[in-house]
């Protein structure tokens, strides 16, 4: 929820629709697909990417992080299956290094 770049007013239905649209935009990764379904794998990838990040880093860099996540999902969606595992590992490592907190 921290990644969302605006507040939504309204009832439960409006919030559910907004959150669903935000997740679809992230997971579809700029593809023009008529019938798109989110999978458990999509949520696992998102968790795997966001879990190591510090909450304060996410708050301060949320727009950049959101765009980087979209780019990662785009790259994963547009890569042949044989390269997906290695691509994910390298993209995840780059992402975590980019948003790691510098030790004092």
C-alpha atoms as a PDB file:
ATOM      1  CA  UNK A   1       0.000   0.000   0.000  1.00  0.00           C
ATOM      2  CA  UNK A   2       2.956   2.310   0.544  1.00  0.00           C
ATOM      3  CA  UNK A   3       3.794   2.095  -3.156  1.00  0.00           C
ATOM      4  CA  UNK A   4       0.513   3.737  -4.099  1.00  0.00           C
ATOM      5  CA  UNK A   5       1.124   7.304  -5.120  1.00  0.00           C
ATOM      6  CA  UNK A   6      -2.259   8.743  -4.179  1.00  0.00           C
ATOM      7  CA  UNK A   7      -5.002   8.388  -1.604  1.00  0.00           C
ATOM      8  CA  UNK A   8      -8.364   6.940  -2.533  1.00  0.00           C
ATOM      9  CA  UNK A   9     -11.577   8.080  -0.946  1.00  0.00           C
ATOM     10  CA  UNK A  10     -14.682   5.973  -0.911  1.00  0.00           C
ATOM     11  CA  UNK A  11     -16.107   2.740   0.286  1.00  0.00           C
ATOM     12  CA  UNK A  12     -14.851  -0.794   0.135  1.00  0.00           C
ATOM     13  CA  UNK A  13     -15.898  -1.295  -3.498  1.00  0.00           C
ATOM     14  CA  UNK A  14     -13.960   1.755  -4.694  1.00  0.00           C
ATOM     15  CA  UNK A  15     -10.884   0.690  -2.743  1.00  0.00           C
ATOM     16  CA  UNK A  16     -11.063  -2.885  -4.049  1.00  0.00           C
ATOM     17  CA  UNK A  17     -11.376  -1.635  -7.613  1.00  0.00           C
ATOM     18  CA  UNK A  18      -8.479   0.812  -7.180  1.00  0.00           C
ATOM     19  CA  UNK A  19      -6.176  -1.789  -5.619  1.00  0.00           C
ATOM     20  CA  UNK A  20      -7.102  -4.304  -8.317  1.00  0.00           C
ATOM     21  CA  UNK A  21      -6.315  -1.814 -11.068  1.00  0.00           C
ATOM     22  CA  UNK A  22      -2.988  -0.911  -9.464  1.00  0.00           C
ATOM     23  CA  UNK A  23      -1.983  -4.578  -9.208  1.00  0.00           C
ATOM     24  CA  UNK A  24      -3.050  -5.244 -12.787  1.00  0.00           C
ATOM     25  CA  UNK A  25      -1.003  -2.297 -14.048  1.00  0.00           C
ATOM     26  CA  UNK A  26       2.017  -3.604 -12.191  1.00  0.00           C
ATOM     27  CA  UNK A  27       1.666  -7.261 -13.164  1.00  0.00           C
ATOM     28  CA  UNK A  28       0.567  -6.731 -16.779  1.00  0.00           C
ATOM     29  CA  UNK A  29       3.824  -4.879 -17.296  1.00  0.00           C
ATOM     30  CA  UNK A  30       2.718  -2.619 -20.148  1.00  0.00           C
ATOM     31  CA  UNK A  31       1.429  -5.524 -22.236  1.00  0.00           C
ATOM     32  CA  UNK A  32      -1.798  -5.131 -24.151  1.00  0.00           C
ATOM     33  CA  UNK A  33      -3.537  -8.339 -23.121  1.00  0.00           C
ATOM     34  CA  UNK A  34      -7.293  -8.696 -23.282  1.00  0.00           C
ATOM     35  CA  UNK A  35      -7.678 -11.499 -20.763  1.00  0.00           C
ATOM     36  CA  UNK A  36      -5.165 -11.026 -17.993  1.00  0.00           C
ATOM     37  CA  UNK A  37      -5.080 -12.989 -14.738  1.00  0.00           C
ATOM     38  CA  UNK A  38      -2.910 -12.365 -11.744  1.00  0.00           C
ATOM     39  CA  UNK A  39      -1.223 -15.490 -10.461  1.00  0.00           C
ATOM     40  CA  UNK A  40       0.204 -16.536  -7.135  1.00  0.00           C
ATOM     41  CA  UNK A  41       3.583 -16.437  -8.816  1.00  0.00           C
ATOM     42  CA  UNK A  42       3.122 -12.694  -9.491  1.00  0.00           C
ATOM     43  CA  UNK A  43       2.529 -12.061  -5.802  1.00  0.00           C
ATOM     44  CA  UNK A  44       5.483 -14.223  -4.821  1.00  0.00           C
ATOM     45  CA  UNK A  45       7.769 -12.291  -7.183  1.00  0.00           C
ATOM     46  CA  UNK A  46       6.500  -8.993  -5.776  1.00  0.00           C
ATOM     47  CA  UNK A  47       7.038 -10.194  -2.198  1.00  0.00           C
ATOM     48  CA  UNK A  48      10.503 -11.502  -3.075  1.00  0.00           C
ATOM     49  CA  UNK A  49      11.475  -8.118  -4.506  1.00  0.00           C
ATOM     50  CA  UNK A  50       9.982  -5.953  -1.740  1.00  0.00           C
ATOM     51  CA  UNK A  51      10.688  -8.038   1.354  1.00  0.00           C
ATOM     52  CA  UNK A  52      14.354  -7.026   1.904  1.00  0.00           C
ATOM     53  CA  UNK A  53      13.670  -3.303   1.451  1.00  0.00           C
ATOM     54  CA  UNK A  54      13.518  -0.953   4.387  1.00  0.00           C
ATOM     55  CA  UNK A  55      10.091   0.630   4.933  1.00  0.00           C
ATOM     56  CA  UNK A  56      11.545   4.147   5.032  1.00  0.00           C
ATOM     57  CA  UNK A  57      13.329   3.560   1.722  1.00  0.00           C
ATOM     58  CA  UNK A  58      10.058   2.464   0.137  1.00  0.00           C
ATOM     59  CA  UNK A  59       8.308   5.577   1.477  1.00  0.00           C
ATOM     60  CA  UNK A  60      10.941   7.949   0.136  1.00  0.00           C
ATOM     61  CA  UNK A  61      11.499   6.259  -3.240  1.00  0.00           C
ATOM     62  CA  UNK A  62       8.066   4.806  -3.931  1.00  0.00           C
ATOM     63  CA  UNK A  63       7.573   6.214  -7.431  1.00  0.00           C
ATOM     64  CA  UNK A  64      10.997   5.010  -8.590  1.00  0.00           C
ATOM     65  CA  UNK A  65      10.451   1.620  -6.957  1.00  0.00           C
ATOM     66  CA  UNK A  66       7.039   1.270  -8.570  1.00  0.00           C
ATOM     67  CA  UNK A  67       8.486   2.037 -12.009  1.00  0.00           C
ATOM     68  CA  UNK A  68      11.388  -0.362 -11.471  1.00  0.00           C
ATOM     69  CA  UNK A  69       8.938  -3.093 -10.463  1.00  0.00           C
ATOM     70  CA  UNK A  70       6.935  -2.504 -13.651  1.00  0.00           C
ATOM     71  CA  UNK A  71      10.145  -2.745 -15.670  1.00  0.00           C
ATOM     72  CA  UNK A  72      11.135  -5.995 -13.976  1.00  0.00           C
ATOM     73  CA  UNK A  73       7.728  -7.550 -14.644  1.00  0.00           C
ATOM     74  CA  UNK A  74       7.925  -6.334 -18.247  1.00  0.00           C
ATOM     75  CA  UNK A  75      11.338  -7.943 -18.714  1.00  0.00           C
ATOM     76  CA  UNK A  76      10.145 -11.195 -17.151  1.00  0.00           C
ATOM     77  CA  UNK A  77       7.032 -11.293 -19.342  1.00  0.00           C
ATOM     78  CA  UNK A  78       9.007 -10.661 -22.526  1.00  0.00           C
ATOM     79  CA  UNK A  79      11.795 -13.180 -22.036  1.00  0.00           C
ATOM     80  CA  UNK A  80      11.872 -16.791 -23.090  1.00  0.00           C
ATOM     81  CA  UNK A  81      11.280 -19.299 -20.314  1.00  0.00           C
ATOM     82  CA  UNK A  82      14.817 -20.680 -20.447  1.00  0.00           C
ATOM     83  CA  UNK A  83      16.264 -17.312 -19.383  1.00  0.00           C
ATOM     84  CA  UNK A  84      13.597 -16.222 -16.897  1.00  0.00           C
ATOM     85  CA  UNK A  85      15.178 -17.743 -13.762  1.00  0.00           C
ATOM     86  CA  UNK A  86      18.605 -16.179 -14.364  1.00  0.00           C
ATOM     87  CA  UNK A  87      17.036 -12.890 -15.445  1.00  0.00           C
ATOM     88  CA  UNK A  88      14.955 -12.732 -12.273  1.00  0.00           C
ATOM     89  CA  UNK A  89      17.981 -13.375 -10.077  1.00  0.00           C
ATOM     90  CA  UNK A  90      20.028 -10.646 -11.739  1.00  0.00           C
ATOM     91  CA  UNK A  91      17.143  -8.137 -11.765  1.00  0.00           C
ATOM     92  CA  UNK A  92      16.335  -8.860  -8.105  1.00  0.00           C
ATOM     93  CA  UNK A  93      19.967  -8.403  -7.092  1.00  0.00           C
ATOM     94  CA  UNK A  94      20.216  -5.097  -8.980  1.00  0.00           C
ATOM     95  CA  UNK A  95      16.938  -3.917  -7.468  1.00  0.00           C
ATOM     96  CA  UNK A  96      17.994  -4.794  -3.909  1.00  0.00           C
ATOM     97  CA  UNK A  97      21.402  -3.145  -4.334  1.00  0.00           C
ATOM     98  CA  UNK A  98      19.816   0.001  -5.764  1.00  0.00           C
ATOM     99  CA  UNK A  99      17.470   0.422  -2.795  1.00  0.00           C
ATOM    100  CA  UNK A 100      19.690  -0.890  -0.014  1.00  0.00           C
ATOM    101  CA  UNK A 101      20.361   1.397   2.910  1.00  0.00           C
ATOM    102  CA  UNK A 102      23.960   2.536   3.077  1.00  0.00           C
ATOM    103  CA  UNK A 103      25.672   1.466   6.305  1.00  0.00           C
ATOM    104  CA  UNK A 104      26.874   4.338   8.477  1.00  0.00           C
END
